[in-house]
Amino acid sequence: MTERPWIIVGYVNVLPFIKEFAPGSVIVVDEPDVIRKCDVKNALEGAAMLRGLIEWEYQLPAAADEFFAAHPDLDPAVVAPLVEYATPFAARLAERYGLPGAGSGAAQVMRDKSLLRRVTRAAGILNPASREVASPDGVREFAAAHPGPLVLKPADRQASVGTRVLHSLDGLDAVWAECTSQDEGNRVPDRERELRMLVEQYVHGEEYSVELLVREGEVLFSNVTGKLLYPGPRPIELGHTVPAAGIPASLSGLLVSRTEAVLRAVGFGSGMVHCEWIVSDGRPYLVECAGRFPGDGIPMLIEEAYRINLAGAFYTVMQGRRPEPLPRRAAGGAAVRFMEAAPGEVVSVDGAEEAARRPDVLSLSLHLESGDTVHELRSSWDRVGSVMTRGATSADALRNAEAVVDAIRITTAV
């Protein structure tokens, strides 16, 4: 093979089906424990895109520099992360190979919610008051100085793991134990990982995310996504609309400009950005910002709503080239809606096959069978399924998605 390989850091189950990967082009890098627990070798067996699979403890300090020292002649054309925990490693590895990327400094700040608060607050970006805490007593001290609802969350995790909204301090010791006892299963290595907790003022308002494609600090594409949350004390997404349904153009522009300010503050270079905001009384407060593609199927929604190949444009940027101009406005709407089921043993699942055949359905994911267990909803990983739909507008798409969810009956028993 003479073509330069693409290094993709972090396995996801859609990786063999990404159409931008040419045959024999991709070297996948992941943690040995994740490769074993996810049976990655078997999942990638026979995948046309695969050139190689490298086991590497990439989440350890200096892992990218060790990798480069061990593989100085690899000469990749692209280095890109596909999962949250891979962003600092991929950014540093891109630097070592002389390729576009977020920049290791920016990636480290964005991966750490506490550092991101400090840096963006110094740049004049609205953040809720927050503080790192090491015990329930630290939460109580913060609460005494900041009356009202609070949010307790990790500074360095993903998918709403270990996150709770606190409307009172009743039972705080038990809440602390729950939030700090985290299990991400086969998605993380088995070794012990540092855990740092944040307590923050709770900001009540509408929630959005901003997705940007950036080349050397220049924004080539922007989108604002609307968010819906499950009710209850855990801020887990119930659905998304692309573009955000019912948002004024002035607010959309403000959210994009504030996200650009975040990127200037951290010194972001090239790549995808997914930045989350809460708008209270017309003022956007930063929640967090990731230097990667968003999850929850948002990239697919963007491609449908804007009629673009977002992944193709991203990989063009990551090769140091400029993609064709991308549209500023969506041509239609798209939405994803996650399903709900009571915790317990699954008795039956009805209506999914018929619902999946609806013409407005882009995809339907539901892998429950009789005898499976539905767990209490504690993070995004506990959601049982989703449906993605199209529509003339994003509001139409959301109505279509909700109709599909209503047509599926998941019966459980305790």
Protein backbone atom coordinates (compact mmCIF):
# COMPACT_ATOMS: atom_id res chain seq x y z
CA MET A 1 0.00 0.00 0.00
CA THR A 2 1.38 3.39 -0.95
CA GLU A 3 -1.39 5.71 0.26
CA ARG A 4 -0.83 7.32 3.62
CA PRO A 5 -2.98 5.83 6.37
CA TRP A 6 -5.65 7.57 8.42
CA ILE A 7 -5.29 7.15 12.19
CA ILE A 8 -8.67 7.02 13.92
CA VAL A 9 -8.56 7.04 17.72
CA GLY A 10 -11.39 5.34 19.60
CA TYR A 11 -13.59 2.51 18.32
CA VAL A 12 -17.30 3.09 17.67
CA ASN A 13 -19.58 0.46 16.19
CA VAL A 14 -20.33 2.48 13.04
CA LEU A 15 -16.64 2.79 12.18
CA PRO A 16 -16.57 0.01 9.53
CA PHE A 17 -19.46 1.72 7.69
CA ILE A 18 -18.10 5.27 7.41
CA LYS A 19 -18.14 5.84 3.67
CA GLU A 20 -15.24 8.31 3.69
CA PHE A 21 -12.80 5.50 4.58
CA ALA A 22 -11.17 4.02 1.49
CA PRO A 23 -10.31 0.29 1.47
CA GLY A 24 -7.22 -0.43 3.54
CA SER A 25 -6.89 3.17 4.69
CA VAL A 26 -7.60 3.17 8.43
CA ILE A 27 -5.45 2.36 11.44
CA VAL A 28 -7.64 2.15 14.53
CA VAL A 29 -6.03 2.96 17.88
CA ASP A 30 -7.74 2.04 21.13
CA GLU A 31 -7.14 0.99 24.71
CA PRO A 32 -6.31 -2.73 25.11
CA ASP A 33 -9.10 -3.16 27.68
CA VAL A 34 -11.67 -1.53 25.39
CA ILE A 35 -10.56 -3.67 22.45
CA ARG A 36 -11.02 -6.77 24.58
CA LYS A 37 -14.33 -5.81 26.21
CA CYS A 38 -15.90 -4.55 22.96
CA ASP A 39 -14.52 -7.50 20.97
CA VAL A 40 -13.14 -4.97 18.50
CA LYS A 41 -10.92 -7.48 16.68
CA ASN A 42 -13.93 -9.58 15.79
CA ALA A 43 -16.06 -6.51 14.97
CA LEU A 44 -13.44 -5.24 12.51
CA GLU A 45 -12.62 -8.60 10.97
CA GLY A 46 -13.10 -8.36 7.23
CA ALA A 47 -13.79 -4.60 7.33
CA ALA A 48 -12.64 -3.21 4.00
CA MET A 49 -11.41 0.07 5.51
CA LEU A 50 -9.05 -1.55 8.02
CA ARG A 51 -5.30 -1.36 7.56
CA GLY A 52 -4.41 -2.15 11.14
CA LEU A 53 -5.46 -2.16 14.79
CA ILE A 54 -3.01 -0.82 17.37
CA GLU A 55 -3.55 -1.41 21.08
CA TRP A 56 -2.34 1.62 23.03
CA GLU A 57 -3.09 3.02 26.47
CA TYR A 58 -3.76 6.37 24.91
CA GLN A 59 -5.42 7.99 27.93
CA LEU A 60 -2.21 7.96 29.98
CA PRO A 61 0.09 11.02 30.22
CA ALA A 62 2.53 11.42 27.30
CA ALA A 63 0.84 8.52 25.47
CA ALA A 64 0.86 10.38 22.13
CA ASP A 65 4.56 11.18 22.39
CA GLU A 66 5.33 7.54 23.21
CA PHE A 67 3.20 6.46 20.24
CA PHE A 68 5.07 8.81 17.91
CA ALA A 69 8.42 7.58 19.20
CA ALA A 70 7.35 3.97 18.58
CA HIS A 71 5.88 4.74 15.11
CA PRO A 72 7.95 7.64 13.68
CA ASP A 73 7.62 6.47 10.06
CA LEU A 74 3.86 5.88 9.99
CA ASP A 75 3.35 9.17 8.07
CA PRO A 76 -0.45 9.40 8.40
CA ALA A 77 -2.57 11.71 6.27
CA VAL A 78 -5.17 12.20 9.04
CA VAL A 79 -5.30 11.85 12.82
CA ALA A 80 -8.83 12.17 14.22
CA PRO A 81 -10.69 11.23 17.43
CA LEU A 82 -14.05 9.49 17.36
CA VAL A 83 -14.72 9.44 21.12
CA GLU A 84 -14.51 12.06 23.85
CA TYR A 85 -11.64 10.51 25.79
CA ALA A 86 -9.49 10.38 22.64
CA THR A 87 -9.43 14.12 21.97
CA PRO A 88 -6.22 15.09 23.85
CA PHE A 89 -4.27 12.11 22.48
CA ALA A 90 -5.39 12.74 18.89
CA ALA A 91 -4.60 16.46 19.12
CA ARG A 92 -1.09 15.84 20.43
CA LEU A 93 -0.43 13.03 17.95
CA ALA A 94 -1.50 15.28 15.07
CA GLU A 95 1.02 17.85 16.27
CA ARG A 96 3.80 15.28 16.35
CA TYR A 97 3.06 14.18 12.80
CA GLY A 98 2.68 17.78 11.60
CA LEU A 99 -1.03 17.48 10.79
CA PRO A 100 -4.07 19.69 11.43
CA GLY A 101 -5.86 19.22 14.73
CA ALA A 102 -7.41 20.97 17.68
CA GLY A 103 -4.02 21.68 19.23
CA SER A 104 -2.97 19.79 22.33
CA GLY A 105 -3.40 22.81 24.61
CA ALA A 106 -6.95 23.44 23.41
CA ALA A 107 -7.85 19.76 23.63
CA GLN A 108 -6.62 19.49 27.23
CA VAL A 109 -8.62 22.53 28.32
CA MET A 110 -11.79 21.37 26.55
CA ARG A 111 -11.51 17.86 28.00
CA ASP A 112 -11.45 19.29 31.55
CA LYS A 113 -14.66 21.09 32.52
CA SER A 114 -12.99 22.86 35.43
CA LEU A 115 -10.17 24.25 33.27
CA LEU A 116 -12.66 25.24 30.58
CA ARG A 117 -14.64 27.26 33.10
CA ARG A 118 -11.52 29.09 34.27
CA VAL A 119 -10.24 29.90 30.78
CA THR A 120 -13.56 30.99 29.27
CA ARG A 121 -14.57 32.97 32.34
CA ALA A 122 -11.31 34.91 32.04
CA ALA A 123 -12.26 35.62 28.40
CA GLY A 124 -15.56 37.19 29.46
CA ILE A 125 -17.82 34.25 28.56
CA LEU A 126 -20.76 33.67 30.91
CA ASN A 127 -20.31 30.62 33.12
CA PRO A 128 -22.27 29.53 36.18
CA ALA A 129 -20.36 29.86 39.43
CA SER A 130 -18.50 26.60 40.07
CA ARG A 131 -15.87 25.02 42.26
CA GLU A 132 -14.00 21.74 42.47
CA VAL A 133 -15.04 19.75 45.54
CA ALA A 134 -13.59 16.65 47.17
CA SER A 135 -16.43 15.71 49.54
CA PRO A 136 -20.06 16.43 50.45
CA ASP A 137 -18.78 19.05 52.89
CA GLY A 138 -17.34 20.97 49.93
CA VAL A 139 -20.78 20.95 48.33
CA ARG A 140 -22.33 22.28 51.54
CA GLU A 141 -19.77 25.08 51.74
CA PHE A 142 -20.50 26.07 48.13
CA ALA A 143 -24.26 25.92 48.75
CA ALA A 144 -23.93 28.29 51.71
CA ALA A 145 -22.34 30.89 49.43
CA HIS A 146 -24.62 30.21 46.44
CA PRO A 147 -28.23 29.58 47.51
CA GLY A 148 -30.55 27.79 45.11
CA PRO A 149 -30.40 24.65 42.98
CA LEU A 150 -26.98 23.19 42.21
CA VAL A 151 -25.42 20.75 39.76
CA LEU A 152 -22.96 18.09 40.92
CA LYS A 153 -20.92 16.53 38.12
CA PRO A 154 -17.50 15.16 37.20
CA ALA A 155 -14.94 17.46 35.62
CA ASP A 156 -13.62 14.74 33.34
CA ARG A 157 -16.34 12.30 32.25
CA GLN A 158 -18.87 12.08 29.39
CA ALA A 159 -22.52 11.26 28.56
CA SER A 160 -23.93 12.86 31.77
CA VAL A 161 -22.27 10.13 33.84
CA GLY A 162 -22.30 11.06 37.53
CA THR A 163 -24.36 14.25 37.02
CA ARG A 164 -27.25 15.32 39.27
CA VAL A 165 -29.31 18.46 39.74
CA LEU A 166 -29.70 19.17 43.46
CA HIS A 167 -32.79 21.13 44.53
CA SER A 168 -31.90 20.56 48.18
CA LEU A 169 -29.06 19.04 50.18
CA ASP A 170 -31.27 16.32 51.66
CA GLY A 171 -29.56 12.97 51.26
CA LEU A 172 -26.41 14.62 49.94
CA ASP A 173 -24.07 11.90 51.20
CA ALA A 174 -26.00 9.27 49.24
CA VAL A 175 -26.09 11.49 46.13
CA TRP A 176 -22.33 12.02 46.39
CA ALA A 177 -21.77 8.26 46.62
CA GLU A 178 -23.95 7.69 43.55
CA CYS A 179 -22.29 10.41 41.47
CA THR A 180 -18.77 9.24 42.30
CA SER A 181 -19.49 5.52 41.75
CA GLN A 182 -19.34 5.48 37.97
CA ASP A 183 -19.45 2.52 35.64
CA GLU A 184 -18.97 3.13 31.92
CA GLY A 185 -18.63 -0.56 31.23
CA ASN A 186 -16.81 -1.54 28.05
CA ARG A 187 -16.23 2.08 26.98
CA VAL A 188 -13.28 2.73 29.32
CA PRO A 189 -10.12 0.90 30.44
CA ASP A 190 -10.21 -1.18 33.60
CA ARG A 191 -7.45 0.70 35.39
CA GLU A 192 -8.36 3.27 38.01
CA ARG A 193 -8.84 6.76 36.58
CA GLU A 194 -8.64 10.08 38.37
CA LEU A 195 -12.01 11.55 39.29
CA ARG A 196 -12.54 15.22 40.11
CA MET A 197 -15.97 16.60 40.96
CA LEU A 198 -17.49 20.02 40.34
CA VAL A 199 -20.39 21.73 42.04
CA GLU A 200 -22.04 24.56 40.12
CA GLN A 201 -24.97 26.91 40.24
CA TYR A 202 -27.92 25.51 38.30
CA VAL A 203 -28.97 27.72 35.39
CA HIS A 204 -32.60 27.32 34.33
CA GLY A 205 -33.34 27.89 30.66
CA GLU A 206 -33.56 26.46 27.16
CA GLU A 207 -30.68 24.19 26.14
CA TYR A 208 -28.86 24.20 22.82
CA SER A 209 -25.66 22.94 21.28
CA VAL A 210 -23.57 24.56 18.57
CA GLU A 211 -21.68 22.48 16.01
CA LEU A 212 -18.86 24.12 14.09
CA LEU A 213 -16.44 22.85 11.46
CA VAL A 214 -13.25 24.84 11.87
CA ARG A 215 -10.12 25.11 9.73
CA GLU A 216 -7.14 26.86 11.31
CA GLY A 217 -9.49 28.90 13.48
CA GLU A 218 -11.86 29.82 10.61
CA VAL A 219 -15.45 28.62 10.89
CA LEU A 220 -16.52 26.86 7.69
CA PHE A 221 -19.91 25.57 8.89
CA SER A 222 -22.20 26.24 11.83
CA ASN A 223 -25.40 24.73 13.18
CA VAL A 224 -27.48 25.22 16.31
CA THR A 225 -29.20 22.14 17.71
CA GLY A 226 -32.21 22.26 20.04
CA LYS A 227 -32.25 19.94 23.06
CA LEU A 228 -34.97 18.19 25.03
CA LEU A 229 -34.25 16.58 28.40
CA TYR A 230 -35.82 13.71 30.28
CA PRO A 231 -37.69 14.95 33.35
CA GLY A 232 -36.00 14.37 36.67
CA PRO A 233 -32.74 15.22 38.42
CA ARG A 234 -30.37 13.91 35.74
CA PRO A 235 -29.81 16.17 32.70
CA ILE A 236 -29.94 13.45 30.04
CA GLU A 237 -31.01 14.30 26.49
CA LEU A 238 -34.42 13.03 25.40
CA GLY A 239 -34.15 14.45 21.89
CA HIS A 240 -32.56 16.92 19.49
CA THR A 241 -33.82 19.05 16.60
CA VAL A 242 -31.64 20.24 13.70
CA PRO A 243 -31.69 23.13 13.22
CA ALA A 244 -33.10 24.15 16.61
CA ALA A 245 -36.88 24.39 16.34
CA GLY A 246 -38.39 27.84 16.82
CA ILE A 247 -35.16 29.66 17.61
CA PRO A 248 -34.90 33.32 16.51
CA ALA A 249 -32.13 34.08 14.04
CA SER A 250 -30.69 36.61 16.50
CA LEU A 251 -30.27 33.96 19.22
CA SER A 252 -28.82 31.46 16.76
CA GLY A 253 -26.25 34.04 15.70
CA LEU A 254 -25.44 34.88 19.32
CA LEU A 255 -24.85 31.22 20.20
CA VAL A 256 -22.52 30.78 17.23
CA SER A 257 -20.57 33.93 18.07
CA ARG A 258 -20.22 32.88 21.72
CA THR A 259 -18.93 29.49 20.59
CA GLU A 260 -16.39 31.22 18.37
CA ALA A 261 -15.32 33.18 21.46
CA VAL A 262 -14.80 29.89 23.31
CA LEU A 263 -12.55 28.66 20.51
CA ARG A 264 -10.50 31.85 20.56
CA ALA A 265 -10.16 31.57 24.33
CA VAL A 266 -8.76 28.03 24.22
CA GLY A 267 -6.81 28.46 20.97
CA PHE A 268 -8.63 25.79 18.95
CA GLY A 269 -7.08 24.95 15.57
CA SER A 270 -8.90 22.59 13.20
CA GLY A 271 -11.69 20.04 13.59
CA MET A 272 -15.29 19.65 14.74
CA VAL A 273 -16.61 21.38 17.83
CA HIS A 274 -19.72 20.57 19.85
CA CYS A 275 -20.47 23.28 22.42
CA GLU A 276 -23.44 23.17 24.83
CA TRP A 277 -25.27 26.21 26.19
CA ILE A 278 -28.18 27.12 28.47
CA VAL A 279 -29.97 30.36 27.59
CA SER A 280 -31.46 32.15 30.59
CA ASP A 281 -33.17 35.55 30.14
CA GLY A 282 -31.65 35.79 26.68
CA ARG A 283 -28.08 35.24 27.95
CA PRO A 284 -26.11 32.10 26.93
CA TYR A 285 -24.27 30.34 29.75
CA LEU A 286 -21.59 27.84 28.79
CA VAL A 287 -22.22 24.25 29.86
CA GLU A 288 -19.26 22.47 28.24
CA CYS A 289 -17.47 22.25 24.90
CA ALA A 290 -15.97 19.23 23.13
CA GLY A 291 -13.44 19.16 20.30
CA ARG A 292 -15.04 16.31 18.39
CA PHE A 293 -18.16 15.27 16.50
CA PRO A 294 -21.31 15.35 18.63
CA GLY A 295 -22.98 12.14 19.69
CA ASP A 296 -26.64 11.12 19.72
CA GLY A 297 -26.78 10.96 15.92
CA ILE A 298 -26.52 14.76 15.54
CA PRO A 299 -24.06 14.47 12.61
CA MET A 300 -26.62 12.39 10.71
CA LEU A 301 -29.30 14.97 11.47
CA ILE A 302 -27.07 17.77 10.21
CA GLU A 303 -26.30 15.92 6.98
CA GLU A 304 -30.01 15.32 6.40
CA ALA A 305 -31.20 18.84 7.27
CA TYR A 306 -28.46 20.67 5.34
CA ARG A 307 -28.07 18.10 2.53
CA ILE A 308 -24.31 17.96 3.04
CA ASN A 309 -21.55 15.43 3.60
CA LEU A 310 -20.30 16.80 6.92
CA ALA A 311 -17.96 13.88 7.56
CA GLY A 312 -16.37 14.29 4.15
CA ALA A 313 -15.80 18.00 4.78
CA PHE A 314 -14.28 17.20 8.18
CA TYR A 315 -11.78 14.70 6.81
CA THR A 316 -10.87 17.16 4.04
CA VAL A 317 -10.05 19.73 6.71
CA MET A 318 -8.07 17.19 8.73
CA GLN A 319 -5.89 16.57 5.67
CA GLY A 320 -5.04 20.27 5.54
CA ARG A 321 -7.29 21.04 2.58
CA ARG A 322 -10.31 23.31 2.18
CA PRO A 323 -13.65 21.63 1.40
CA GLU A 324 -16.21 22.97 -1.01
CA PRO A 325 -18.31 25.80 0.53
CA LEU A 326 -21.03 24.51 2.87
CA PRO A 327 -24.55 26.02 3.10
CA ARG A 328 -25.40 28.56 5.77
CA ARG A 329 -29.05 27.51 6.02
CA ALA A 330 -30.76 24.15 6.34
CA ALA A 331 -32.89 22.85 3.48
CA GLY A 332 -35.22 20.97 5.83
CA GLY A 333 -35.44 19.58 9.34
CA ALA A 334 -34.35 16.46 11.19
CA ALA A 335 -34.80 15.17 14.72
CA VAL A 336 -33.86 12.34 17.04
CA ARG A 337 -36.07 11.20 19.89
CA PHE A 338 -34.95 8.67 22.49
CA MET A 339 -37.34 6.10 23.85
CA GLU A 340 -38.57 5.59 27.38
CA ALA A 341 -39.30 2.41 29.30
CA ALA A 342 -39.92 1.63 32.93
CA PRO A 343 -37.04 -0.17 34.66
CA GLY A 344 -37.47 -3.91 34.92
CA GLU A 345 -37.44 -7.06 32.83
CA VAL A 346 -38.69 -6.69 29.27
CA VAL A 347 -41.91 -8.61 28.72
CA SER A 348 -42.56 -7.53 25.13
CA VAL A 349 -41.66 -5.00 22.45
CA ASP A 350 -44.37 -4.21 19.91
CA GLY A 351 -44.72 -1.91 16.92
CA ALA A 352 -41.06 -1.30 16.11
CA GLU A 353 -41.00 -3.04 12.72
CA GLU A 354 -44.04 -1.18 11.48
CA ALA A 355 -42.74 2.14 12.79
CA ALA A 356 -39.39 1.70 11.07
CA ARG A 357 -41.13 1.47 7.68
CA ARG A 358 -42.56 4.97 7.87
CA PRO A 359 -41.22 7.14 5.00
CA ASP A 360 -40.03 9.90 7.32
CA VAL A 361 -37.84 7.56 9.41
CA LEU A 362 -34.10 7.86 8.79
CA SER A 363 -33.14 5.17 11.29
CA LEU A 364 -34.58 3.31 14.24
CA SER A 365 -32.38 1.72 16.89
CA LEU A 366 -33.97 -0.57 19.46
CA HIS A 367 -32.20 -3.72 20.58
CA LEU A 368 -34.44 -4.92 23.41
CA GLU A 369 -35.83 -8.43 23.53
CA SER A 370 -38.01 -10.30 26.00
CA GLY A 371 -35.93 -11.11 29.06
CA ASP A 372 -33.59 -8.12 28.72
CA THR A 373 -33.29 -5.69 31.62
CA VAL A 374 -34.10 -1.99 31.43
CA HIS A 375 -32.03 -0.12 34.01
CA GLU A 376 -32.81 3.11 35.81
CA LEU A 377 -31.87 6.09 33.65
CA ARG A 378 -28.61 7.35 35.20
CA SER A 379 -26.67 8.40 32.10
CA SER A 380 -27.01 8.50 28.32
CA TRP A 381 -25.75 4.91 28.17
CA ASP A 382 -28.98 3.70 29.84
CA ARG A 383 -31.32 4.87 27.05
CA VAL A 384 -33.06 1.95 25.38
CA GLY A 385 -33.41 3.14 21.79
CA SER A 386 -33.92 6.05 19.42
CA VAL A 387 -35.57 7.10 16.20
CA MET A 388 -34.29 9.68 13.70
CA THR A 389 -36.74 11.35 11.36
CA ARG A 390 -36.91 14.00 8.66
CA GLY A 391 -39.47 16.74 8.06
CA ALA A 392 -40.10 19.91 6.10
CA THR A 393 -39.01 21.75 9.26
CA SER A 394 -37.30 20.57 12.44
CA ALA A 395 -40.62 20.94 14.31
CA ASP A 396 -42.24 18.63 11.74
CA ALA A 397 -39.38 16.17 12.13
CA LEU A 398 -39.78 16.13 15.91
CA ARG A 399 -43.53 15.49 15.60
CA ASN A 400 -42.75 12.59 13.27
CA ALA A 401 -40.23 11.19 15.76
CA GLU A 402 -42.64 11.47 18.66
CA ALA A 403 -45.32 9.68 16.63
CA VAL A 404 -42.92 6.80 16.03
CA VAL A 405 -42.01 6.60 19.72
CA ASP A 406 -45.70 6.61 20.66
CA ALA A 407 -46.31 3.70 18.26
CA ILE A 408 -43.72 1.48 19.98
CA ARG A 409 -44.79 -0.29 23.16
CA ILE A 410 -42.10 -1.55 25.54
CA THR A 411 -43.68 -3.55 28.36
CA THR A 412 -41.58 -4.31 31.45
CA ALA A 413 -42.22 -5.99 34.77
CA VAL A 414 -40.36 -5.58 38.05
